[in-house]
Each structure stands twice: as structure tokens, then as C-alpha cells.
Amino acid sequence: MYEPIRTKSVHTSADDADFPHRSREDALDIQLAGHLAALLAVTDELGLTAMGDRIAEQVARLRAAPPARHAGRSEASPAALHRRAHALAGRALVVAASRADTAVAILAAEAMDAHAAALAAPAAPTAPTALVGAP
């Protein structure tokens, strides 16, 4: 009653494709290296060289090549940079935990703590303020 299908379906899997496939682990490595490279750029901009060197080591390990270090400066305030770095470290922590990379997970947690502490620290006053009604 029905004629059999003679052509390949467009819904077949691409298992026979001629392009290379990435494993989940490779994809997580790429994603983690990207988050760490972004964190490195913000860390370098903040002038945190010791933490930046540790992050650069991990990026080099994941990419098998040394990362480019941040050379330029943005017009962002230090508080904005610390917030961005905190968020990037959080993303790196999530990916590191999913791929069971303990070294990066510890580094990302330390970075989150450092940036959270920098945000919580009171800003130094720019000029002394006088108390109202003081003699």
C-alpha cells in the first residue's frame, strides 16, 4: 500500500560525518580555559600579579600554550572589576567542579573569596569629614 522510503532521512544521526567530534571533556576544557582567560584579564587589570600568575599556569595547562596577558586598561572602576572577576571565578568554579579539576576549583574558590573580600572592604575616604555639631 505504501511505497518504501528510498532516500536517506534528514533526521539520521551525524555519526558518519567527516568532521572531528569533541568529547564532553574536551568541550569542558575549552570552556574552562575561556573562563580562566577572562578572569586572568580582569585580574591583570586589577594588578593582582600573584593570582594572575597562578591563573595563567592553569590556562597554559588546559590550552597547552601560555595565555596572552592583558596589556590594556579599561575605564571600569575597581569595584566593577572585582564584581566581574567574582562572577568569572564562579563560572570557572562550576565548570571545574563538573570536570573534577580540583586545582582549578580551589583556585577559583580562592579568587571568589578574594574578590568578595575586596568588595566588602570599606572604601577609604577621599577627604576627612567633620562631624556635624562638633566643636
Protein backbone atom coordinates (compact mmCIF):
# COMPACT_ATOMS: atom_id res chain seq x y z
CA MET A 1 0.00 0.00 0.00
CA TYR A 2 2.86 2.41 0.85
CA GLU A 3 5.99 2.74 -1.20
CA PRO A 4 9.20 2.15 0.82
CA ILE A 5 11.47 5.12 1.51
CA ARG A 6 14.39 5.06 -0.92
CA THR A 7 16.31 8.14 0.22
CA LYS A 8 18.13 8.81 3.44
CA SER A 9 16.15 10.65 6.03
CA VAL A 10 17.27 14.14 7.02
CA HIS A 11 16.76 13.06 10.60
CA THR A 12 19.51 10.46 10.69
CA SER A 13 22.34 10.95 13.14
CA ALA A 14 25.56 12.57 12.01
CA ASP A 15 27.74 9.75 13.27
CA ASP A 16 29.17 9.14 9.80
CA ALA A 17 30.16 12.76 9.26
CA ASP A 18 33.66 13.60 8.03
CA PHE A 19 34.42 16.28 10.65
CA PRO A 20 36.07 15.66 14.02
CA HIS A 21 33.91 15.44 17.09
CA ARG A 22 34.78 16.80 20.53
CA SER A 23 34.19 14.82 23.63
CA ARG A 24 32.35 16.34 26.57
CA GLU A 25 35.64 16.52 28.44
CA ASP A 26 37.29 18.45 25.58
CA ALA A 27 34.37 20.86 25.45
CA LEU A 28 34.61 21.45 29.21
CA ASP A 29 38.37 22.04 28.92
CA ILE A 30 37.77 24.68 26.25
CA GLN A 31 35.02 26.33 28.29
CA LEU A 32 37.10 26.31 31.47
CA ALA A 33 40.14 27.76 29.70
CA GLY A 34 37.92 30.54 28.33
CA HIS A 35 36.54 31.44 31.75
CA LEU A 36 40.02 31.40 33.25
CA ALA A 37 41.43 33.54 30.43
CA ALA A 38 38.71 36.14 31.02
CA LEU A 39 39.40 36.01 34.76
CA LEU A 40 43.10 36.45 34.01
CA ALA A 41 42.42 39.60 32.00
CA VAL A 42 40.43 41.18 34.85
CA THR A 43 42.97 40.01 37.46
CA ASP A 44 45.82 41.57 35.47
CA GLU A 45 43.86 44.79 35.15
CA LEU A 46 43.43 44.91 38.91
CA GLY A 47 47.19 44.45 39.30
CA LEU A 48 46.97 41.15 41.21
CA THR A 49 50.09 39.57 39.74
CA ALA A 50 50.45 36.61 42.13
CA MET A 51 46.90 35.43 41.50
CA GLY A 52 47.29 36.22 37.80
CA ASP A 53 50.37 34.02 37.57
CA ARG A 54 48.51 31.12 39.18
CA ILE A 55 45.59 31.53 36.79
CA ALA A 56 47.97 31.76 33.81
CA GLU A 57 49.54 28.43 34.84
CA GLN A 58 46.15 26.73 34.74
CA VAL A 59 45.22 28.29 31.39
CA ALA A 60 48.55 27.12 29.96
CA ARG A 61 47.90 23.61 31.28
CA LEU A 62 44.43 23.47 29.72
CA ARG A 63 45.41 25.00 26.38
CA ALA A 64 48.93 23.55 26.20
CA ALA A 65 50.17 27.06 25.40
CA PRO A 66 50.84 30.14 27.52
CA PRO A 67 47.97 32.64 27.58
CA ALA A 68 48.16 36.19 26.33
CA ARG A 69 48.38 38.55 29.28
CA HIS A 70 46.16 41.62 29.48
CA ALA A 71 48.01 44.73 28.36
CA GLY A 72 45.32 47.41 28.19
CA ARG A 73 43.29 49.15 30.83
CA SER A 74 39.58 49.80 30.77
CA GLU A 75 37.78 52.72 32.33
CA ALA A 76 35.95 50.42 34.76
CA SER A 77 36.07 51.14 38.47
CA PRO A 78 37.90 48.71 40.76
CA ALA A 79 34.56 47.69 42.32
CA ALA A 80 33.14 46.82 38.90
CA LEU A 81 36.26 44.85 38.07
CA HIS A 82 36.05 42.93 41.36
CA ARG A 83 32.37 42.12 40.68
CA ARG A 84 33.24 40.89 37.18
CA ALA A 85 36.15 38.82 38.48
CA HIS A 86 33.93 37.31 41.18
CA ALA A 87 31.35 36.28 38.58
CA LEU A 88 34.01 34.83 36.25
CA ALA A 89 35.60 32.89 39.11
CA GLY A 90 32.17 31.50 39.96
CA ARG A 91 31.67 30.29 36.39
CA ALA A 92 35.12 28.72 36.39
CA LEU A 93 34.32 27.00 39.69
CA VAL A 94 31.14 25.45 38.28
CA VAL A 95 32.93 24.10 35.19
CA ALA A 96 35.93 22.91 37.23
CA ALA A 97 33.61 21.06 39.58
CA SER A 98 31.79 19.40 36.68
CA ARG A 99 35.06 18.13 35.20
CA ALA A 100 36.51 17.26 38.64
CA ASP A 101 39.52 19.58 38.28
CA THR A 102 40.44 20.11 41.92
CA ALA A 103 43.34 22.50 41.30
CA VAL A 104 41.20 24.92 39.28
CA ALA A 105 38.26 24.55 41.66
CA ILE A 106 40.44 25.56 44.62
CA LEU A 107 41.96 28.45 42.66
CA ALA A 108 38.53 29.69 41.56
CA ALA A 109 37.16 29.48 45.11
CA GLU A 110 40.16 31.44 46.41
CA ALA A 111 39.63 34.05 43.70
CA MET A 112 35.94 34.34 44.61
CA ASP A 113 36.86 34.83 48.28
CA ALA A 114 39.50 37.45 47.45
CA HIS A 115 37.18 39.47 45.22
CA ALA A 116 34.28 39.20 47.66
CA ALA A 117 36.56 40.47 50.44
CA ALA A 118 37.71 43.35 48.24
CA LEU A 119 34.09 44.30 47.59
CA ALA A 120 33.17 44.06 51.27
CA ALA A 121 36.11 46.18 52.44
CA PRO A 122 35.11 49.75 53.18
CA ALA A 123 36.43 52.27 50.71
CA ALA A 124 38.99 54.68 52.09
CA PRO A 125 37.53 58.17 52.42
CA THR A 126 38.94 60.66 49.96
CA ALA A 127 38.74 63.63 52.32
CA PRO A 128 38.29 63.82 56.10
CA THR A 129 34.74 64.52 57.09
CA ALA A 130 33.80 66.66 60.05
CA LEU A 131 31.07 65.63 62.41
CA VAL A 132 28.02 67.85 62.32
CA GLY A 133 27.75 69.89 65.53
CA ALA A 134 31.27 69.04 66.67
CA PRO A 135 33.24 71.90 68.26
